[in-house]
Protein backbone atom coordinates (compact mmCIF):
# COMPACT_ATOMS: atom_id res chain seq x y z
CA MET A 1 -16.12 -18.26 24.04
CA SER A 2 -12.95 -16.63 22.81
CA LYS A 3 -10.26 -18.56 21.05
CA LYS A 4 -6.90 -18.46 22.84
CA ARG A 5 -3.67 -17.93 21.01
CA PRO A 6 -0.18 -17.62 22.46
CA ALA A 7 1.48 -14.25 22.15
CA TYR A 8 4.17 -14.05 19.47
CA ASP A 9 7.65 -14.61 20.75
CA ASP A 10 9.76 -14.33 17.64
CA GLY A 11 12.02 -11.49 18.70
CA THR A 12 10.38 -9.09 16.28
CA THR A 13 12.20 -5.77 16.11
CA ALA A 14 10.38 -2.94 17.87
CA PHE A 15 11.04 0.73 17.22
CA SER A 16 10.97 3.37 19.95
CA GLN A 17 9.98 6.87 18.91
CA ALA A 18 11.56 8.21 22.08
CA ASN A 19 14.99 7.33 20.70
CA LYS A 20 14.67 9.15 17.39
CA SER A 21 17.39 11.73 16.90
CA LYS A 22 16.90 15.23 15.48
CA ASP A 23 19.47 14.64 12.74
CA ASN A 24 17.75 11.50 11.53
CA PRO A 25 14.05 11.37 12.51
CA TRP A 26 13.79 7.80 11.23
CA LYS A 27 16.66 6.45 13.31
CA ASN A 28 15.35 4.15 16.03
CA THR A 29 16.81 2.00 18.76
CA THR A 30 16.28 -1.71 18.22
CA MET A 31 14.66 -3.61 21.05
CA LYS A 32 14.07 -7.35 21.03
CA GLY A 33 11.83 -9.32 23.34
CA SER A 34 10.41 -6.17 24.98
CA GLU A 35 7.23 -5.51 23.01
CA ARG A 36 4.44 -3.60 24.69
CA LYS A 37 1.15 -5.32 25.38
CA LEU A 38 -2.10 -3.41 24.90
CA ARG A 39 -5.78 -4.26 25.16
CA HIS A 40 -7.72 -5.13 22.02
CA GLU A 41 -9.82 -2.01 22.66
CA ASP A 42 -6.73 0.19 22.24
CA TYR A 43 -6.44 -0.49 18.50
CA THR A 44 -8.38 1.80 16.19
CA VAL A 45 -6.71 1.45 12.76
CA GLY A 46 -6.87 -1.67 10.59
CA TRP A 47 -4.33 -2.12 7.79
CA ILE A 48 -4.93 -4.91 5.27
CA CYS A 49 -2.18 -6.23 2.99
CA ALA A 50 -2.95 -8.40 -0.04
CA ILE A 51 0.41 -10.22 -0.29
CA THR A 52 3.45 -11.07 1.81
CA THR A 53 5.64 -8.39 0.19
CA GLU A 54 3.24 -5.68 1.39
CA TYR A 55 2.99 -7.28 4.83
CA VAL A 56 6.78 -7.24 5.29
CA ALA A 57 7.00 -3.57 4.25
CA ALA A 58 4.17 -2.60 6.59
CA GLN A 59 5.85 -4.29 9.55
CA ALA A 60 9.16 -2.59 8.79
CA PHE A 61 7.64 0.88 9.06
CA LEU A 62 5.97 0.46 12.44
CA ASP A 63 7.36 2.79 15.12
CA GLU A 64 6.64 0.14 17.74
CA THR A 65 5.81 -3.57 17.57
CA HIS A 66 3.43 -4.91 20.21
CA GLU A 67 2.84 -8.41 21.51
CA GLY A 68 0.44 -10.48 19.45
CA PRO A 69 -3.19 -10.96 20.54
CA GLU A 70 -3.83 -13.41 23.35
CA TYR A 71 -7.34 -14.19 22.16
CA LEU A 72 -9.40 -13.76 19.00
CA SER A 73 -13.08 -14.02 18.23
CA PRO A 74 -14.31 -17.48 17.17
CA ASN A 75 -13.44 -18.44 13.56
CA ASP A 76 -10.96 -15.57 13.23
CA ASN A 77 -8.07 -17.12 11.30
CA ASN A 78 -6.25 -13.88 10.46
CA ASP A 79 -2.53 -13.48 11.04
CA TYR A 80 -1.97 -10.20 12.90
CA THR A 81 0.90 -7.85 13.57
CA LEU A 82 0.13 -5.24 16.24
CA GLY A 83 2.01 -2.01 16.69
CA LYS A 84 2.05 1.76 16.65
CA SER A 85 2.45 4.18 13.75
CA GLY A 86 2.75 7.78 14.85
CA LYS A 87 0.09 8.20 17.52
CA HIS A 88 -2.16 5.41 16.22
CA ASN A 89 -2.29 1.83 17.46
CA VAL A 90 -2.51 -0.31 14.34
CA VAL A 91 -3.67 -3.84 13.51
CA ILE A 92 -2.03 -5.23 10.35
CA ALA A 93 -3.42 -8.34 8.66
CA VAL A 94 -2.62 -10.15 5.42
CA LEU A 95 -4.85 -12.12 3.06
CA PRO A 96 -4.42 -15.92 3.12
CA HIS A 97 -1.66 -17.17 0.86
CA GLY A 98 -2.86 -17.73 -2.69
CA GLU A 99 -6.04 -15.69 -2.28
CA TYR A 100 -6.83 -12.23 -3.58
CA GLY A 101 -9.90 -10.21 -4.47
CA ILE A 102 -12.71 -8.32 -2.84
CA SER A 103 -14.38 -11.24 -1.07
CA SER A 104 -11.13 -12.36 0.58
CA ALA A 105 -10.31 -8.81 1.73
CA THR A 106 -13.86 -8.42 3.06
CA GLY A 107 -13.47 -11.58 5.14
CA VAL A 108 -10.21 -10.32 6.66
CA ALA A 109 -11.82 -6.94 7.48
CA LYS A 110 -14.81 -8.60 9.16
CA HIS A 111 -12.54 -10.66 11.39
CA ILE A 112 -10.65 -7.52 12.43
CA LEU A 113 -13.95 -5.87 13.38
CA HIS A 114 -14.97 -8.82 15.53
CA SER A 115 -11.65 -9.21 17.36
CA PHE A 116 -10.84 -5.49 17.76
CA PRO A 117 -14.10 -3.73 18.71
CA ASN A 118 -12.79 -0.14 18.46
CA PHE A 119 -11.53 -0.55 14.90
CA ARG A 120 -12.57 2.75 13.25
CA ILE A 121 -10.36 3.32 10.20
CA GLY A 122 -9.63 0.73 7.51
CA LEU A 123 -6.72 1.02 5.09
CA MET A 124 -5.89 -1.11 2.08
CA VAL A 125 -2.27 -0.48 1.16
CA GLY A 126 -0.37 -2.36 -1.49
CA ILE A 127 1.25 -2.69 -4.88
CA GLY A 128 -0.55 -1.55 -8.00
CA GLY A 129 -0.03 -0.75 -11.64
CA GLY A 130 0.15 2.92 -12.60
CA ALA A 131 -1.68 4.54 -15.50
CA PRO A 132 0.35 7.65 -16.42
CA SER A 133 -1.43 10.60 -17.99
CA PRO A 134 -0.57 14.21 -18.88
CA LYS A 135 -1.91 15.19 -15.46
CA HIS A 136 -0.24 12.39 -13.46
CA ASP A 137 3.33 11.51 -14.46
CA ILE A 138 3.28 8.23 -12.53
CA ARG A 139 6.61 6.42 -12.40
CA LEU A 140 7.91 3.20 -10.95
CA GLY A 141 7.87 3.47 -7.14
CA ASP A 142 5.47 6.43 -6.97
CA ILE A 143 2.56 6.50 -4.52
CA VAL A 144 -1.13 6.90 -5.34
CA VAL A 145 -3.64 7.97 -2.68
CA SER A 146 -7.31 7.46 -3.47
CA SER A 147 -9.12 10.76 -3.78
CA THR A 148 -12.87 11.22 -4.08
CA GLY A 149 -14.48 12.75 -7.13
CA ASN A 150 -17.55 14.96 -7.31
CA ARG A 151 -19.99 12.07 -7.14
CA THR A 152 -17.82 9.06 -6.40
CA GLY A 153 -15.68 7.50 -3.73
CA GLY A 154 -11.95 7.14 -4.17
CA VAL A 155 -12.05 3.54 -5.44
CA ILE A 156 -13.88 2.13 -8.47
CA GLN A 157 -14.60 -1.57 -9.00
CA TYR A 158 -13.83 -1.72 -12.70
CA ASP A 159 -15.37 -5.16 -13.36
CA TYR A 160 -18.74 -4.35 -11.76
CA GLY A 161 -21.47 -2.88 -13.92
CA LYS A 162 -23.74 -3.73 -16.83
CA THR A 163 -23.37 -4.45 -20.52
CA ILE A 164 -26.12 -3.09 -22.77
CA GLN A 165 -26.67 -4.16 -26.36
CA SER A 166 -24.78 -1.99 -28.87
CA GLN A 167 -23.31 0.10 -26.05
CA GLU A 168 -20.06 0.12 -24.08
CA PHE A 169 -19.78 -1.51 -20.67
CA ARG A 170 -21.16 0.82 -17.99
CA ASN A 171 -19.35 0.71 -14.70
CA SER A 172 -21.43 1.17 -11.57
CA GLY A 173 -19.23 -0.08 -8.74
CA PHE A 174 -17.88 2.65 -6.47
CA LEU A 175 -16.94 2.43 -2.83
CA ASN A 176 -18.52 4.90 -0.43
CA ARG A 177 -16.68 8.12 0.25
CA PRO A 178 -14.12 7.82 3.07
CA PRO A 179 -14.99 9.45 6.42
CA THR A 180 -14.62 13.21 6.69
CA VAL A 181 -11.68 12.89 9.09
CA LEU A 182 -9.65 10.98 6.47
CA ARG A 183 -10.49 13.36 3.64
CA ALA A 184 -9.48 16.30 5.85
CA ALA A 185 -6.24 14.52 6.76
CA VAL A 186 -5.40 14.04 3.06
CA ASN A 187 -5.81 17.78 2.46
CA GLY A 188 -3.57 18.49 5.44
CA LEU A 189 -0.85 16.17 4.15
CA MET A 190 -1.06 17.69 0.67
CA ALA A 191 -0.48 21.16 2.12
CA ARG A 192 2.43 19.99 4.29
CA TYR A 193 4.18 18.14 1.47
CA GLU A 194 3.70 21.08 -0.89
CA SER A 195 5.88 23.30 1.28
CA GLU A 196 8.19 20.84 3.04
CA GLY A 197 8.35 17.68 0.93
CA HIS A 198 7.67 14.24 2.37
CA GLN A 199 11.16 12.80 3.11
CA LEU A 200 9.97 9.31 2.14
CA GLU A 201 13.14 8.43 0.24
CA LYS A 202 15.20 9.13 3.36
CA ALA A 203 12.83 7.03 5.46
CA ILE A 204 13.04 4.08 3.05
CA ASN A 205 16.84 4.23 2.97
CA CYS A 206 17.01 4.22 6.77
CA ILE A 207 14.82 1.12 6.95
CA LEU A 208 17.01 -0.68 4.41
CA GLU A 209 20.12 0.21 6.41
CA LYS A 210 18.57 -1.33 9.50
CA LYS A 211 17.30 -4.39 7.64
CA PRO A 212 19.93 -5.25 5.00
CA ARG A 213 18.17 -8.54 4.18
CA LEU A 214 15.41 -6.49 2.57
CA ARG A 215 17.72 -4.43 0.39
CA LYS A 216 17.88 -6.70 -2.65
CA LYS A 217 14.12 -7.23 -2.97
CA TYR A 218 12.73 -3.96 -1.62
CA LYS A 219 15.06 -1.21 -2.81
CA ARG A 220 13.93 0.98 -5.69
CA PRO A 221 15.01 -0.27 -9.12
CA ASP A 222 17.40 1.80 -11.17
CA PRO A 223 15.52 4.65 -12.91
CA SER A 224 16.82 3.41 -16.27
CA SER A 225 14.58 0.33 -15.93
CA ASP A 226 11.45 2.50 -15.78
CA ARG A 227 10.53 2.63 -19.46
CA LEU A 228 7.14 3.98 -20.50
CA TYR A 229 6.00 2.65 -23.86
CA GLN A 230 3.34 3.97 -26.19
CA SER A 231 -0.12 2.55 -25.43
CA SER A 232 -0.13 0.88 -28.86
CA ILE A 233 2.84 -1.32 -27.89
CA THR A 234 1.84 -4.83 -26.77
CA HIS A 235 4.19 -6.19 -24.16
CA PRO A 236 5.56 -9.68 -24.82
CA SER A 237 4.91 -12.66 -22.60
CA ASN A 238 7.63 -13.81 -20.20
CA LYS A 239 8.64 -16.54 -22.65
CA GLU A 240 9.45 -13.96 -25.30
CA GLY A 241 11.71 -11.94 -23.05
CA SER A 242 11.48 -8.42 -21.68
CA CYS A 243 9.79 -5.58 -23.53
CA ALA A 244 13.11 -3.77 -23.66
CA ALA A 245 14.69 -6.73 -25.48
CA VAL A 246 11.80 -7.29 -27.89
CA CYS A 247 10.55 -3.74 -28.45
CA GLY A 248 14.04 -2.26 -28.40
CA ASP A 249 15.01 1.29 -27.53
CA ASP A 250 13.43 2.84 -30.59
CA PRO A 251 12.37 6.32 -29.39
CA SER A 252 9.18 6.03 -31.43
CA ASN A 253 8.06 3.15 -29.20
CA ARG A 254 8.61 5.02 -25.97
CA ILE A 255 7.36 8.14 -24.23
CA LEU A 256 10.39 10.13 -23.14
CA ARG A 257 10.21 11.79 -19.72
CA HIS A 258 12.48 14.31 -18.04
CA GLN A 259 14.68 13.30 -15.15
CA ARG A 260 13.30 14.48 -11.82
CA THR A 261 15.26 17.27 -10.23
CA GLY A 262 16.13 17.93 -6.59
CA ASP A 263 13.16 20.29 -6.34
CA GLU A 264 10.73 17.46 -7.06
CA ASP A 265 9.66 14.75 -4.67
CA ASN A 266 10.94 11.33 -5.63
CA PRO A 267 8.93 9.15 -5.20
CA ALA A 268 6.05 11.44 -6.09
CA ILE A 269 2.62 11.23 -4.47
CA HIS A 270 -0.43 11.36 -6.73
CA TYR A 271 -4.05 11.82 -5.67
CA GLY A 272 -6.88 10.42 -7.76
CA LEU A 273 -9.16 7.51 -8.52
CA ILE A 274 -7.93 3.96 -7.89
CA ALA A 275 -9.34 1.03 -9.84
CA SER A 276 -9.66 -2.29 -8.02
CA ALA A 277 -11.53 -5.54 -8.64
CA ASN A 278 -11.44 -9.32 -8.43
CA GLN A 279 -9.87 -9.44 -11.88
CA LEU A 280 -6.08 -9.12 -11.92
CA MET A 281 -5.18 -6.77 -14.78
CA LYS A 282 -1.96 -7.45 -16.70
CA ASP A 283 -3.14 -6.49 -20.18
CA ALA A 284 -2.74 -2.98 -21.57
CA PHE A 285 -5.92 -3.47 -23.62
CA GLY A 286 -7.84 -5.55 -21.09
CA SER A 287 -9.86 -2.68 -19.67
CA GLY A 288 -11.66 -2.20 -22.97
């Protein structure tokens, strides 16, 4: 038997693509209490968020918001937001409060599969720490898209592997390569952005204009706060104050970077390997 749940009736803002203007492609007409209702079989994309902050941002960027599910499979305790992004009907779910890690995300994904039988594409989108390199000048607010290597998937589980006597830890945890359709789509987006740019900054600003309550928490920090320190610098704990206060502005402690020009995308999109695991990493030397 299926478990019944009432449809959401919280007046969630819905966006109508039909009302987008040519001057501002992200400008939408707000509609309340008029969400569309689709069948569970109509949803093909699952989007998992680890924390509430990511869940709020995901909801804000939906082109349409649909009514919540009327029924779910037995033992499905996920909280869902249903909607449309572009031409795709999307199911967004968030991990239970206070939980994180691979096992929790796996449980959420399994429930989506059971309640939405045509779920074909799974996305994990969220906040991460960047590891800048000479090849990837990653800055605060930039975007990283997982990209497959020659023999690996796009995501590595950095705490899964084996330790051998007198040798370094050998990692052996890689996710499978994404489906061909997604890898082809990434190449298509890379080509489009190379010639036209992505317009993400404009899109973010339009959302913040529509939802001023989000402005304080979700707007991009001032670029001056994005300081990149030498890898030898150990960041202080919260009790000791900020790194800027303790480490100071000594140029020898920092890696100086040029200011991005109008010809560069800001935020920038990087493509490469993403590290993920059950262990939350907040130590510059913790990866060994």
